[in-house]
Amino acid sequence: MASDSERLSAFIRAAKDRGADDAFVVAMLRENGWSERRIYAAFSSYYEEVLGQPVPSRGAGIEYARDAFMYLIAFIALGSWTVAVGSLFYALIDRWFPSPLDSSYLFTSLRGQVAGQLATIIVAFPIFMLVSRALSREVQRRPEAADSGVRKWLTYLALVIAAVVLIGDAVLFIASFLQGDLNVRFVLKSAVLVAIAGAVFLYYLATVRADAVSAARDRAFALAAGAAVVAALVFGFFDIGTPAHARAVAMDLRRVDNLTTIANRIHTDSGDNKPARAPRSLAGVSLGNVPLDPATKKPYEYRLLGGASYELCATFDTDDKTEVPNVTAADNSFLHPAGPFCFKLDAGKTY
């Protein structure tokens, strides 16, 4: 049985033998599902045979290299912003639906994670949209670019990755259901994953199964992607606040870290005393360079209460309870409100 290329070449040869016009043959073959790349390759073979001369080639390698560059940038940007959107919503879900097992460290690290994902989205999404728009215009101008091997390989790679993610999520969801471990956080995270991976899979599956360029399909995907990105940015900035607020939170974290260092050094220095006794002042604590407030550069206030009890005081810019939900003073000895606050501590304990 003749191959597709042989059947195409035979048809073109028969059509030309009967005086058919090249433009008519090309249009007819396109209407019957043949790509322009395949059609022109067959015409090249026909004219090389008739004229006894090879068809001169110019710039094909450059065009392939440009296609590879553009599609790699597009898919790298696609992977960057979709992963960032998913990770950002994961972090927000953890903050909005806290677990009793979550620690204050988890929530402070989530703040940094949200900031990182917001930055990735702000950079990667516009690049993806601009490059995708340029590729769409290139295919409209040069339809044979839709048959680019680079484009097809990378598109199928994206489909494989999206399919693996969807299958893995389905397996985890069913396994959690069977083990009775389903909770609100897991269901919401699964919904986010299915929405992002499913949209990517359906869109790129359509681009390889139908026309490479469809204005309606491209517009729908762009609107859906834009809506997801806008929602992520709004919720993300609402969650972490302004850069000034983020700086205030960072200052308070430094203050808590300094107070923890002082408290643990007091505990270490009093280790030989039974029972433990707090020092009269910080001058008797082997701190080396005594930690200072990062903003005022002043020492923290220390008060001896008697025996092992003492107080360490600092002035904070933010209320820790709004930053670390579901965590109480019993879980975190340095949970603080905004403004001046003193922690009652024990020299016999580590912090």
C-alpha atoms as a PDB file:
ATOM      1  CA  MET A   1       0.000   0.000   0.000  1.00  0.00           C
ATOM      2  CA  ALA A   2       1.361   3.427  -0.987  1.00  0.00           C
ATOM      3  CA  SER A   3       2.324   5.821   1.785  1.00  0.00           C
ATOM      4  CA  ASP A   4       0.627   9.196   2.271  1.00  0.00           C
ATOM      5  CA  SER A   5       3.590  10.974   0.662  1.00  0.00           C
ATOM      6  CA  GLU A   6       3.485   8.669  -2.358  1.00  0.00           C
ATOM      7  CA  ARG A   7      -0.274   9.136  -2.776  1.00  0.00           C
ATOM      8  CA  LEU A   8       0.102  12.919  -2.497  1.00  0.00           C
ATOM      9  CA  SER A   9       2.934  13.006  -5.038  1.00  0.00           C
ATOM     10  CA  ALA A  10       0.989  10.771  -7.435  1.00  0.00           C
ATOM     11  CA  PHE A  11      -2.076  13.005  -7.204  1.00  0.00           C
ATOM     12  CA  ILE A  12      -0.064  16.170  -7.879  1.00  0.00           C
ATOM     13  CA  ARG A  13       1.680  14.549 -10.851  1.00  0.00           C
ATOM     14  CA  ALA A  14      -1.645  13.423 -12.324  1.00  0.00           C
ATOM     15  CA  ALA A  15      -3.206  16.860 -11.766  1.00  0.00           C
ATOM     16  CA  LYS A  16      -0.294  18.655 -13.415  1.00  0.00           C
ATOM     17  CA  ASP A  17      -0.316  16.223 -16.370  1.00  0.00           C
ATOM     18  CA  ARG A  18      -3.883  17.389 -17.029  1.00  0.00           C
ATOM     19  CA  GLY A  19      -2.998  21.081 -16.791  1.00  0.00           C
ATOM     20  CA  ALA A  20      -4.359  21.830 -13.320  1.00  0.00           C
ATOM     21  CA  ASP A  21      -3.319  25.155 -11.815  1.00  0.00           C
ATOM     22  CA  ASP A  22      -0.910  24.990  -8.846  1.00  0.00           C
ATOM     23  CA  ALA A  23      -3.005  27.348  -6.703  1.00  0.00           C
ATOM     24  CA  PHE A  24      -6.146  25.274  -7.349  1.00  0.00           C
ATOM     25  CA  VAL A  25      -4.371  22.024  -6.409  1.00  0.00           C
ATOM     26  CA  VAL A  26      -2.937  23.553  -3.235  1.00  0.00           C
ATOM     27  CA  ALA A  27      -6.351  24.934  -2.182  1.00  0.00           C
ATOM     28  CA  MET A  28      -8.062  21.605  -2.855  1.00  0.00           C
ATOM     29  CA  LEU A  29      -5.501  19.619  -0.917  1.00  0.00           C
ATOM     30  CA  ARG A  30      -5.690  22.046   2.028  1.00  0.00           C
ATOM     31  CA  GLU A  31      -9.477  21.656   2.091  1.00  0.00           C
ATOM     32  CA  ASN A  32      -8.947  17.900   2.293  1.00  0.00           C
ATOM     33  CA  GLY A  33      -6.765  18.157   5.400  1.00  0.00           C
ATOM     34  CA  TRP A  34      -3.240  18.272   3.965  1.00  0.00           C
ATOM     35  CA  SER A  35      -0.869  20.736   5.576  1.00  0.00           C
ATOM     36  CA  GLU A  36       0.890  23.314   3.453  1.00  0.00           C
ATOM     37  CA  ARG A  37       4.251  21.911   4.501  1.00  0.00           C
ATOM     38  CA  ARG A  38       3.348  18.471   3.117  1.00  0.00           C
ATOM     39  CA  ILE A  39       1.816  19.978  -0.037  1.00  0.00           C
ATOM     40  CA  TYR A  40       4.812  22.167  -0.860  1.00  0.00           C
ATOM     41  CA  ALA A  41       7.207  19.326  -0.102  1.00  0.00           C
ATOM     42  CA  ALA A  42       5.348  17.198  -2.662  1.00  0.00           C
ATOM     43  CA  PHE A  43       5.362  20.059  -5.191  1.00  0.00           C
ATOM     44  CA  SER A  44       9.098  20.480  -4.618  1.00  0.00           C
ATOM     45  CA  SER A  45       9.659  16.818  -5.445  1.00  0.00           C
ATOM     46  CA  TYR A  46       7.489  17.141  -8.563  1.00  0.00           C
ATOM     47  CA  TYR A  47       9.299  20.199  -9.927  1.00  0.00           C
ATOM     48  CA  GLU A  48      12.730  18.785  -9.080  1.00  0.00           C
ATOM     49  CA  GLU A  49      11.810  15.730 -11.156  1.00  0.00           C
ATOM     50  CA  VAL A  50      10.393  17.782 -14.047  1.00  0.00           C
ATOM     51  CA  LEU A  51      13.137  20.425 -14.161  1.00  0.00           C
ATOM     52  CA  GLY A  52      16.023  18.232 -13.167  1.00  0.00           C
ATOM     53  CA  GLN A  53      17.111  20.857 -10.634  1.00  0.00           C
ATOM     54  CA  PRO A  54      16.767  20.872  -6.852  1.00  0.00           C
ATOM     55  CA  VAL A  55      14.556  23.569  -5.350  1.00  0.00           C
ATOM     56  CA  PRO A  56      16.870  26.226  -3.858  1.00  0.00           C
ATOM     57  CA  SER A  57      16.533  26.505  -0.084  1.00  0.00           C
ATOM     58  CA  ARG A  58      17.143  29.662   1.892  1.00  0.00           C
ATOM     59  CA  GLY A  59      16.706  30.329   5.609  1.00  0.00           C
ATOM     60  CA  ALA A  60      14.990  27.080   6.609  1.00  0.00           C
ATOM     61  CA  GLY A  61      17.509  26.433   9.343  1.00  0.00           C
ATOM     62  CA  ILE A  62      17.112  29.981  10.646  1.00  0.00           C
ATOM     63  CA  GLU A  63      13.323  29.648  10.672  1.00  0.00           C
ATOM     64  CA  TYR A  64      13.519  26.347  12.572  1.00  0.00           C
ATOM     65  CA  ALA A  65      15.910  27.907  15.086  1.00  0.00           C
ATOM     66  CA  ARG A  66      13.572  30.885  15.530  1.00  0.00           C
ATOM     67  CA  ASP A  67      10.610  28.547  15.991  1.00  0.00           C
ATOM     68  CA  ALA A  68      12.534  26.567  18.587  1.00  0.00           C
ATOM     69  CA  PHE A  69      13.497  29.734  20.468  1.00  0.00           C
ATOM     70  CA  MET A  70       9.986  31.195  20.466  1.00  0.00           C
ATOM     71  CA  TYR A  71       8.193  27.997  21.431  1.00  0.00           C
ATOM     72  CA  LEU A  72      10.726  27.192  24.177  1.00  0.00           C
ATOM     73  CA  ILE A  73      10.264  30.664  25.658  1.00  0.00           C
ATOM     74  CA  ALA A  74       6.475  30.300  25.448  1.00  0.00           C
ATOM     75  CA  PHE A  75       6.402  26.910  27.153  1.00  0.00           C
ATOM     76  CA  ILE A  76       8.951  27.866  29.809  1.00  0.00           C
ATOM     77  CA  ALA A  77       6.869  30.949  30.621  1.00  0.00           C
ATOM     78  CA  LEU A  78       3.703  28.807  30.601  1.00  0.00           C
ATOM     79  CA  GLY A  79       5.215  26.369  33.067  1.00  0.00           C
ATOM     80  CA  SER A  80       6.505  29.196  35.279  1.00  0.00           C
ATOM     81  CA  TRP A  81       3.272  31.124  35.685  1.00  0.00           C
ATOM     82  CA  THR A  82       0.961  28.100  35.931  1.00  0.00           C
ATOM     83  CA  VAL A  83       3.117  26.503  38.638  1.00  0.00           C
ATOM     84  CA  ALA A  84       3.336  29.868  40.413  1.00  0.00           C
ATOM     85  CA  VAL A  85      -0.446  30.359  40.328  1.00  0.00           C
ATOM     86  CA  GLY A  86      -1.018  26.853  41.670  1.00  0.00           C
ATOM     87  CA  SER A  87       1.614  27.211  44.400  1.00  0.00           C
ATOM     88  CA  LEU A  88       0.245  30.615  45.412  1.00  0.00           C
ATOM     89  CA  PHE A  89      -3.281  29.255  45.815  1.00  0.00           C
ATOM     90  CA  TYR A  90      -1.869  26.273  47.730  1.00  0.00           C
ATOM     91  CA  ALA A  91      -0.144  28.651  50.170  1.00  0.00           C
ATOM     92  CA  LEU A  92      -3.268  30.791  50.528  1.00  0.00           C
ATOM     93  CA  ILE A  93      -5.430  27.712  51.176  1.00  0.00           C
ATOM     94  CA  ASP A  94      -3.008  26.670  53.946  1.00  0.00           C
ATOM     95  CA  ARG A  95      -3.381  30.131  55.516  1.00  0.00           C
ATOM     96  CA  TRP A  96      -7.147  30.346  55.086  1.00  0.00           C
ATOM     97  CA  PHE A  97      -7.818  26.825  56.378  1.00  0.00           C
ATOM     98  CA  PRO A  98      -5.127  26.296  59.047  1.00  0.00           C
ATOM     99  CA  SER A  99      -4.577  22.948  60.689  1.00  0.00           C
ATOM    100  CA  PRO A 100      -3.925  22.496  64.433  1.00  0.00           C
ATOM    101  CA  LEU A 101      -0.626  20.896  63.375  1.00  0.00           C
ATOM    102  CA  ASP A 102       0.583  24.044  61.609  1.00  0.00           C
ATOM    103  CA  SER A 103       3.316  26.014  63.331  1.00  0.00           C
ATOM    104  CA  SER A 104       4.168  29.701  63.286  1.00  0.00           C
ATOM    105  CA  TYR A 105       7.248  28.867  61.198  1.00  0.00           C
ATOM    106  CA  LEU A 106       4.978  27.411  58.517  1.00  0.00           C
ATOM    107  CA  PHE A 107       3.015  30.635  58.212  1.00  0.00           C
ATOM    108  CA  THR A 108       6.067  32.908  58.147  1.00  0.00           C
ATOM    109  CA  SER A 109       7.586  30.749  55.411  1.00  0.00           C
ATOM    110  CA  LEU A 110       4.287  30.830  53.505  1.00  0.00           C
ATOM    111  CA  ARG A 111       4.487  34.632  53.445  1.00  0.00           C
ATOM    112  CA  GLY A 112       7.842  34.443  51.673  1.00  0.00           C
ATOM    113  CA  GLN A 113       6.495  31.778  49.333  1.00  0.00           C
ATOM    114  CA  VAL A 114       3.499  33.927  48.360  1.00  0.00           C
ATOM    115  CA  ALA A 115       5.791  36.870  47.602  1.00  0.00           C
ATOM    116  CA  GLY A 116       8.005  34.684  45.413  1.00  0.00           C
ATOM    117  CA  GLN A 117       5.056  33.294  43.457  1.00  0.00           C
ATOM    118  CA  LEU A 118       3.605  36.770  42.922  1.00  0.00           C
ATOM    119  CA  ALA A 119       6.914  37.936  41.483  1.00  0.00           C
ATOM    120  CA  THR A 120       7.053  34.901  39.167  1.00  0.00           C
ATOM    121  CA  ILE A 121       3.528  35.550  37.863  1.00  0.00           C
ATOM    122  CA  ILE A 122       4.188  39.260  37.288  1.00  0.00           C
ATOM    123  CA  VAL A 123       7.253  38.421  35.177  1.00  0.00           C
ATOM    124  CA  ALA A 124       6.285  35.174  33.416  1.00  0.00           C
ATOM    125  CA  PHE A 125       2.630  35.759  32.461  1.00  0.00           C
ATOM    126  CA  PRO A 126       3.175  38.882  30.297  1.00  0.00           C
ATOM    127  CA  ILE A 127       6.087  37.126  28.564  1.00  0.00           C
ATOM    128  CA  PHE A 128       3.862  34.129  27.826  1.00  0.00           C
ATOM    129  CA  MET A 129       1.073  36.304  26.425  1.00  0.00           C
ATOM    130  CA  LEU A 130       3.403  38.388  24.252  1.00  0.00           C
ATOM    131  CA  VAL A 131       5.273  35.387  22.832  1.00  0.00           C
ATOM    132  CA  SER A 132       2.045  33.443  22.267  1.00  0.00           C
ATOM    133  CA  ARG A 133       0.592  36.417  20.413  1.00  0.00           C
ATOM    134  CA  ALA A 134       3.701  36.642  18.242  1.00  0.00           C
ATOM    135  CA  LEU A 135       3.518  32.913  17.455  1.00  0.00           C
ATOM    136  CA  SER A 136      -0.163  33.186  16.543  1.00  0.00           C
ATOM    137  CA  ARG A 137       0.577  36.022  14.128  1.00  0.00           C
ATOM    138  CA  GLU A 138       3.488  34.058  12.647  1.00  0.00           C
ATOM    139  CA  VAL A 139       1.234  31.058  11.946  1.00  0.00           C
ATOM    140  CA  GLN A 140      -1.340  33.354  10.335  1.00  0.00           C
ATOM    141  CA  ARG A 141       1.376  34.871   8.147  1.00  0.00           C
ATOM    142  CA  ARG A 142       3.167  31.599   7.472  1.00  0.00           C
ATOM    143  CA  PRO A 143       0.650  28.705   7.832  1.00  0.00           C
ATOM    144  CA  GLU A 144       3.306  26.031   7.286  1.00  0.00           C
ATOM    145  CA  ALA A 145       4.780  27.047  10.677  1.00  0.00           C
ATOM    146  CA  ALA A 146       1.874  25.173  12.274  1.00  0.00           C
ATOM    147  CA  ASP A 147       3.549  21.945  11.123  1.00  0.00           C
ATOM    148  CA  SER A 148       6.816  22.815  12.829  1.00  0.00           C
ATOM    149  CA  GLY A 149       8.304  19.740  14.448  1.00  0.00           C
ATOM    150  CA  VAL A 150       9.494  21.864  17.374  1.00  0.00           C
ATOM    151  CA  ARG A 151       5.983  23.139  17.980  1.00  0.00           C
ATOM    152  CA  LYS A 152       4.453  19.675  17.864  1.00  0.00           C
ATOM    153  CA  TRP A 153       7.080  18.099  20.116  1.00  0.00           C
ATOM    154  CA  LEU A 154       6.785  20.800  22.748  1.00  0.00           C
ATOM    155  CA  THR A 155       2.993  20.809  22.553  1.00  0.00           C
ATOM    156  CA  TYR A 156       2.813  17.058  23.063  1.00  0.00           C
ATOM    157  CA  LEU A 157       5.327  17.360  25.903  1.00  0.00           C
ATOM    158  CA  ALA A 158       3.036  19.902  27.586  1.00  0.00           C
ATOM    159  CA  LEU A 159       0.108  17.520  27.068  1.00  0.00           C
ATOM    160  CA  VAL A 160       2.026  14.638  28.631  1.00  0.00           C
ATOM    161  CA  ILE A 161       2.987  16.721  31.679  1.00  0.00           C
ATOM    162  CA  ALA A 162      -0.586  17.977  32.129  1.00  0.00           C
ATOM    163  CA  ALA A 163      -1.962  14.438  31.762  1.00  0.00           C
ATOM    164  CA  VAL A 164       0.502  13.069  34.343  1.00  0.00           C
ATOM    165  CA  VAL A 165      -0.472  15.816  36.791  1.00  0.00           C
ATOM    166  CA  LEU A 166      -4.186  15.114  36.315  1.00  0.00           C
ATOM    167  CA  ILE A 167      -3.761  11.351  36.674  1.00  0.00           C
ATOM    168  CA  GLY A 168      -1.589  11.778  39.774  1.00  0.00           C
ATOM    169  CA  ASP A 169      -4.104  14.119  41.352  1.00  0.00           C
ATOM    170  CA  ALA A 170      -6.940  11.683  40.646  1.00  0.00           C
ATOM    171  CA  VAL A 171      -4.968   8.841  42.258  1.00  0.00           C
ATOM    172  CA  LEU A 172      -4.201  10.932  45.368  1.00  0.00           C
ATOM    173  CA  PHE A 173      -7.803  12.089  45.647  1.00  0.00           C
ATOM    174  CA  ILE A 174      -9.202   8.549  45.473  1.00  0.00           C
ATOM    175  CA  ALA A 175      -6.537   7.221  47.876  1.00  0.00           C
ATOM    176  CA  SER A 176      -7.335   9.965  50.398  1.00  0.00           C
ATOM    177  CA  PHE A 177     -11.052   9.241  50.039  1.00  0.00           C
ATOM    178  CA  LEU A 178     -10.531   5.547  50.689  1.00  0.00           C
ATOM    179  CA  GLN A 179      -8.388   6.324  53.761  1.00  0.00           C
ATOM    180  CA  GLY A 180     -10.880   8.857  55.101  1.00  0.00           C
ATOM    181  CA  ASP A 181      -8.318  11.693  54.923  1.00  0.00           C
ATOM    182  CA  LEU A 182     -10.335  14.098  52.758  1.00  0.00           C
ATOM    183  CA  ASN A 183     -10.515  17.604  54.178  1.00  0.00           C
ATOM    184  CA  VAL A 184     -11.323  21.074  52.900  1.00  0.00           C
ATOM    185  CA  ARG A 185      -7.687  21.940  52.174  1.00  0.00           C
ATOM    186  CA  PHE A 186      -7.070  18.795  50.135  1.00  0.00           C
ATOM    187  CA  VAL A 187     -10.294  19.184  48.125  1.00  0.00           C
ATOM    188  CA  LEU A 188      -9.560  22.850  47.337  1.00  0.00           C
ATOM    189  CA  LYS A 189      -5.973  22.103  46.312  1.00  0.00           C
ATOM    190  CA  SER A 190      -7.183  19.289  44.057  1.00  0.00           C
ATOM    191  CA  ALA A 191      -9.709  21.644  42.473  1.00  0.00           C
ATOM    192  CA  VAL A 192      -6.983  24.220  41.783  1.00  0.00           C
ATOM    193  CA  LEU A 193      -4.731  21.574  40.239  1.00  0.00           C
ATOM    194  CA  VAL A 194      -7.485  20.141  38.045  1.00  0.00           C
ATOM    195  CA  ALA A 195      -8.559  23.609  36.883  1.00  0.00           C
ATOM    196  CA  ILE A 196      -5.043  24.695  35.851  1.00  0.00           C
ATOM    197  CA  ALA A 197      -3.764  21.412  34.400  1.00  0.00           C
ATOM    198  CA  GLY A 198      -7.136  20.647  32.786  1.00  0.00           C
ATOM    199  CA  ALA A 199      -7.329  24.024  31.057  1.00  0.00           C
ATOM    200  CA  VAL A 200      -3.777  23.695  29.711  1.00  0.00           C
ATOM    201  CA  PHE A 201      -4.429  20.136  28.532  1.00  0.00           C
ATOM    202  CA  LEU A 202      -7.693  20.943  26.736  1.00  0.00           C
ATOM    203  CA  TYR A 203      -6.311  24.067  25.072  1.00  0.00           C
ATOM    204  CA  TYR A 204      -3.157  22.477  23.680  1.00  0.00           C
ATOM    205  CA  LEU A 205      -4.972  19.291  22.732  1.00  0.00           C
ATOM    206  CA  ALA A 206      -7.254  21.450  20.585  1.00  0.00           C
ATOM    207  CA  THR A 207      -4.268  23.152  18.922  1.00  0.00           C
ATOM    208  CA  VAL A 208      -2.908  19.817  17.644  1.00  0.00           C
ATOM    209  CA  ARG A 209      -6.263  18.292  16.760  1.00  0.00           C
ATOM    210  CA  ALA A 210      -7.792  21.253  14.910  1.00  0.00           C
ATOM    211  CA  ASP A 211      -6.569  24.403  13.222  1.00  0.00           C
ATOM    212  CA  ALA A 212      -3.375  25.687  14.770  1.00  0.00           C
ATOM    213  CA  VAL A 213      -4.900  29.153  15.057  1.00  0.00           C
ATOM    214  CA  SER A 214      -8.458  29.766  16.225  1.00  0.00           C
ATOM    215  CA  ALA A 215      -9.283  33.292  17.335  1.00  0.00           C
ATOM    216  CA  ALA A 216     -12.229  32.182  19.477  1.00  0.00           C
ATOM    217  CA  ARG A 217     -10.259  29.397  21.185  1.00  0.00           C
ATOM    218  CA  ASP A 218      -7.219  31.597  21.777  1.00  0.00           C
ATOM    219  CA  ARG A 219      -9.405  34.386  23.155  1.00  0.00           C
ATOM    220  CA  ALA A 220     -11.188  32.000  25.538  1.00  0.00           C
ATOM    221  CA  PHE A 221      -7.899  30.606  26.851  1.00  0.00           C
ATOM    222  CA  ALA A 222      -6.430  34.098  27.233  1.00  0.00           C
ATOM    223  CA  LEU A 223      -9.497  35.278  29.178  1.00  0.00           C
ATOM    224  CA  ALA A 224      -9.460  32.219  31.447  1.00  0.00           C
ATOM    225  CA  ALA A 225      -5.722  32.518  32.057  1.00  0.00           C
ATOM    226  CA  GLY A 226      -6.020  36.253  32.690  1.00  0.00           C
ATOM    227  CA  ALA A 227      -8.862  35.713  35.162  1.00  0.00           C
ATOM    228  CA  ALA A 228      -6.814  33.121  37.079  1.00  0.00           C
ATOM    229  CA  VAL A 229      -3.788  35.412  37.185  1.00  0.00           C
ATOM    230  CA  VAL A 230      -5.815  38.447  38.298  1.00  0.00           C
ATOM    231  CA  ALA A 231      -7.460  36.385  41.053  1.00  0.00           C
ATOM    232  CA  ALA A 232      -4.059  35.110  42.196  1.00  0.00           C
ATOM    233  CA  LEU A 233      -2.592  38.624  42.261  1.00  0.00           C
ATOM    234  CA  VAL A 234      -5.564  40.104  44.119  1.00  0.00           C
ATOM    235  CA  PHE A 235      -5.695  37.383  46.759  1.00  0.00           C
ATOM    236  CA  GLY A 236      -1.912  37.279  47.043  1.00  0.00           C
ATOM    237  CA  PHE A 237      -1.459  41.017  47.583  1.00  0.00           C
ATOM    238  CA  PHE A 238      -4.474  41.075  49.917  1.00  0.00           C
ATOM    239  CA  ASP A 239      -2.851  38.313  51.958  1.00  0.00           C
ATOM    240  CA  ILE A 240       0.699  39.660  52.302  1.00  0.00           C
ATOM    241  CA  GLY A 241      -0.188  43.370  52.238  1.00  0.00           C
ATOM    242  CA  THR A 242       1.871  46.216  50.885  1.00  0.00           C
ATOM    243  CA  PRO A 243       5.690  46.158  50.670  1.00  0.00           C
ATOM    244  CA  ALA A 244       5.735  48.483  53.709  1.00  0.00           C
ATOM    245  CA  HIS A 245       3.679  45.972  55.687  1.00  0.00           C
ATOM    246  CA  ALA A 246       5.942  43.130  54.555  1.00  0.00           C
ATOM    247  CA  ARG A 247       8.947  45.118  55.814  1.00  0.00           C
ATOM    248  CA  ALA A 248       7.221  45.651  59.167  1.00  0.00           C
ATOM    249  CA  VAL A 249       6.580  41.912  59.454  1.00  0.00           C
ATOM    250  CA  ALA A 250      10.236  41.203  58.632  1.00  0.00           C
ATOM    251  CA  MET A 251      11.332  43.647  61.360  1.00  0.00           C
ATOM    252  CA  ASP A 252       9.106  41.925  63.912  1.00  0.00           C
ATOM    253  CA  LEU A 253      10.470  38.522  62.910  1.00  0.00           C
ATOM    254  CA  ARG A 254      13.991  39.872  63.517  1.00  0.00           C
ATOM    255  CA  ARG A 255      12.917  41.167  66.949  1.00  0.00           C
ATOM    256  CA  VAL A 256      11.444  37.781  67.885  1.00  0.00           C
ATOM    257  CA  ASP A 257      14.625  36.066  66.695  1.00  0.00           C
ATOM    258  CA  ASN A 258      16.726  38.420  68.851  1.00  0.00           C
ATOM    259  CA  LEU A 259      14.557  37.825  71.926  1.00  0.00           C
ATOM    260  CA  THR A 260      14.747  34.078  71.382  1.00  0.00           C
ATOM    261  CA  THR A 261      18.549  34.294  71.206  1.00  0.00           C
ATOM    262  CA  ILE A 262      18.687  36.266  74.469  1.00  0.00           C
ATOM    263  CA  ALA A 263      16.266  33.895  76.256  1.00  0.00           C
ATOM    264  CA  ASN A 264      18.166  30.776  75.204  1.00  0.00           C
ATOM    265  CA  ARG A 265      21.504  32.310  76.267  1.00  0.00           C
ATOM    266  CA  ILE A 266      20.000  33.143  79.684  1.00  0.00           C
ATOM    267  CA  HIS A 267      18.885  29.524  79.981  1.00  0.00           C
ATOM    268  CA  THR A 268      22.349  28.261  79.019  1.00  0.00           C
ATOM    269  CA  ASP A 269      24.108  30.566  81.505  1.00  0.00           C
ATOM    270  CA  SER A 270      21.826  29.495  84.344  1.00  0.00           C
ATOM    271  CA  GLY A 271      22.282  25.814  83.637  1.00  0.00           C
ATOM    272  CA  ASP A 272      24.581  25.255  86.626  1.00  0.00           C
ATOM    273  CA  ASN A 273      22.073  26.801  89.063  1.00  0.00           C
ATOM    274  CA  LYS A 274      19.619  24.439  90.708  1.00  0.00           C
ATOM    275  CA  PRO A 275      16.974  25.795  90.646  1.00  0.00           C
ATOM    276  CA  ALA A 276      17.612  28.074  87.680  1.00  0.00           C
ATOM    277  CA  ARG A 277      17.939  31.781  88.443  1.00  0.00           C
ATOM    278  CA  ALA A 278      17.609  34.659  86.027  1.00  0.00           C
ATOM    279  CA  PRO A 279      20.408  37.300  85.978  1.00  0.00           C
ATOM    280  CA  ARG A 280      19.932  40.743  87.490  1.00  0.00           C
ATOM    281  CA  SER A 281      20.565  42.356  84.075  1.00  0.00           C
ATOM    282  CA  LEU A 282      21.643  41.484  80.566  1.00  0.00           C
ATOM    283  CA  ALA A 283      25.136  42.694  81.463  1.00  0.00           C
ATOM    284  CA  GLY A 284      25.650  39.359  83.214  1.00  0.00           C
ATOM    285  CA  VAL A 285      24.686  37.293  80.152  1.00  0.00           C
ATOM    286  CA  SER A 286      27.404  35.963  77.832  1.00  0.00           C
ATOM    287  CA  LEU A 287      25.836  37.299  74.650  1.00  0.00           C
ATOM    288  CA  GLY A 288      28.912  38.726  72.962  1.00  0.00           C
ATOM    289  CA  ASN A 289      27.322  41.397  70.809  1.00  0.00           C
ATOM    290  CA  VAL A 290      23.986  42.062  72.495  1.00  0.00           C
ATOM    291  CA  PRO A 291      21.172  41.984  69.859  1.00  0.00           C
ATOM    292  CA  LEU A 292      19.598  45.397  69.302  1.00  0.00           C
ATOM    293  CA  ASP A 293      16.232  46.425  67.901  1.00  0.00           C
ATOM    294  CA  PRO A 294      16.692  46.387  64.076  1.00  0.00           C
ATOM    295  CA  ALA A 295      14.865  49.710  63.616  1.00  0.00           C
ATOM    296  CA  THR A 296      15.826  51.848  66.636  1.00  0.00           C
ATOM    297  CA  LYS A 297      19.228  50.191  67.292  1.00  0.00           C
ATOM    298  CA  LYS A 298      18.394  50.331  71.026  1.00  0.00           C
ATOM    299  CA  PRO A 299      18.748  47.398  73.477  1.00  0.00           C
ATOM    300  CA  TYR A 300      15.704  45.389  74.455  1.00  0.00           C
ATOM    301  CA  GLU A 301      14.265  46.017  77.917  1.00  0.00           C
ATOM    302  CA  TYR A 302      14.970  43.383  80.564  1.00  0.00           C
ATOM    303  CA  ARG A 303      13.323  43.075  84.006  1.00  0.00           C
ATOM    304  CA  LEU A 304      14.043  40.504  86.708  1.00  0.00           C
ATOM    305  CA  LEU A 305      10.823  39.312  88.341  1.00  0.00           C
ATOM    306  CA  GLY A 306      12.432  37.017  90.898  1.00  0.00           C
ATOM    307  CA  GLY A 307      13.946  33.551  90.877  1.00  0.00           C
ATOM    308  CA  ALA A 308      13.895  32.139  87.354  1.00  0.00           C
ATOM    309  CA  SER A 309      11.225  34.570  86.105  1.00  0.00           C
ATOM    310  CA  TYR A 310      12.051  37.609  84.011  1.00  0.00           C
ATOM    311  CA  GLU A 311      10.617  39.790  81.266  1.00  0.00           C
ATOM    312  CA  LEU A 312      11.932  40.759  77.842  1.00  0.00           C
ATOM    313  CA  CYS A 313      10.199  43.702  76.193  1.00  0.00           C
ATOM    314  CA  ALA A 314      10.094  45.089  72.657  1.00  0.00           C
ATOM    315  CA  THR A 315       7.915  47.364  70.544  1.00  0.00           C
ATOM    316  CA  PHE A 316       6.343  45.598  67.571  1.00  0.00           C
ATOM    317  CA  ASP A 317       4.917  47.010  64.342  1.00  0.00           C
ATOM    318  CA  THR A 318       2.346  44.272  63.632  1.00  0.00           C
ATOM    319  CA  ASP A 319      -0.075  42.009  65.448  1.00  0.00           C
ATOM    320  CA  ASP A 320       1.275  38.470  65.240  1.00  0.00           C
ATOM    321  CA  LYS A 321      -2.196  36.939  65.575  1.00  0.00           C
ATOM    322  CA  THR A 322      -3.163  38.359  62.181  1.00  0.00           C
ATOM    323  CA  GLU A 323       0.007  36.923  60.642  1.00  0.00           C
ATOM    324  CA  VAL A 324      -0.091  33.496  62.301  1.00  0.00           C
ATOM    325  CA  PRO A 325      -3.717  32.302  62.475  1.00  0.00           C
ATOM    326  CA  ASN A 326      -4.726  29.388  64.697  1.00  0.00           C
ATOM    327  CA  VAL A 327      -1.545  29.675  66.816  1.00  0.00           C
ATOM    328  CA  THR A 328      -1.888  30.559  70.514  1.00  0.00           C
ATOM    329  CA  ALA A 329       0.538  31.731  73.173  1.00  0.00           C
ATOM    330  CA  ALA A 330       0.719  28.144  74.401  1.00  0.00           C
ATOM    331  CA  ASP A 331       2.122  27.133  71.021  1.00  0.00           C
ATOM    332  CA  ASN A 332       4.419  30.134  70.589  1.00  0.00           C
ATOM    333  CA  SER A 333       5.939  31.940  73.582  1.00  0.00           C
ATOM    334  CA  PHE A 334       6.668  35.019  71.459  1.00  0.00           C
ATOM    335  CA  LEU A 335       3.198  35.634  70.031  1.00  0.00           C
ATOM    336  CA  HIS A 336       2.726  39.410  70.267  1.00  0.00           C
ATOM    337  CA  PRO A 337       0.319  42.284  69.525  1.00  0.00           C
ATOM    338  CA  ALA A 338       1.309  45.523  67.821  1.00  0.00           C
ATOM    339  CA  GLY A 339       2.990  48.108  70.060  1.00  0.00           C
ATOM    340  CA  PRO A 340       5.046  47.706  73.278  1.00  0.00           C
ATOM    341  CA  PHE A 341       4.808  44.221  74.757  1.00  0.00           C
ATOM    342  CA  CYS A 342       6.659  42.212  77.405  1.00  0.00           C
ATOM    343  CA  PHE A 343       7.103  38.442  77.428  1.00  0.00           C
ATOM    344  CA  LYS A 344       7.182  36.692  80.803  1.00  0.00           C
ATOM    345  CA  LEU A 345       9.862  34.012  80.478  1.00  0.00           C
ATOM    346  CA  ASP A 346      11.593  31.366  82.589  1.00  0.00           C
ATOM    347  CA  ALA A 347      15.358  30.919  82.794  1.00  0.00           C
ATOM    348  CA  GLY A 348      14.832  27.203  83.250  1.00  0.00           C
ATOM    349  CA  LYS A 349      13.285  26.776  79.784  1.00  0.00           C
ATOM    350  CA  THR A 350      14.536  26.889  76.204  1.00  0.00           C
ATOM    351  CA  TYR A 351      12.635  28.756  73.524  1.00  0.00           C
END
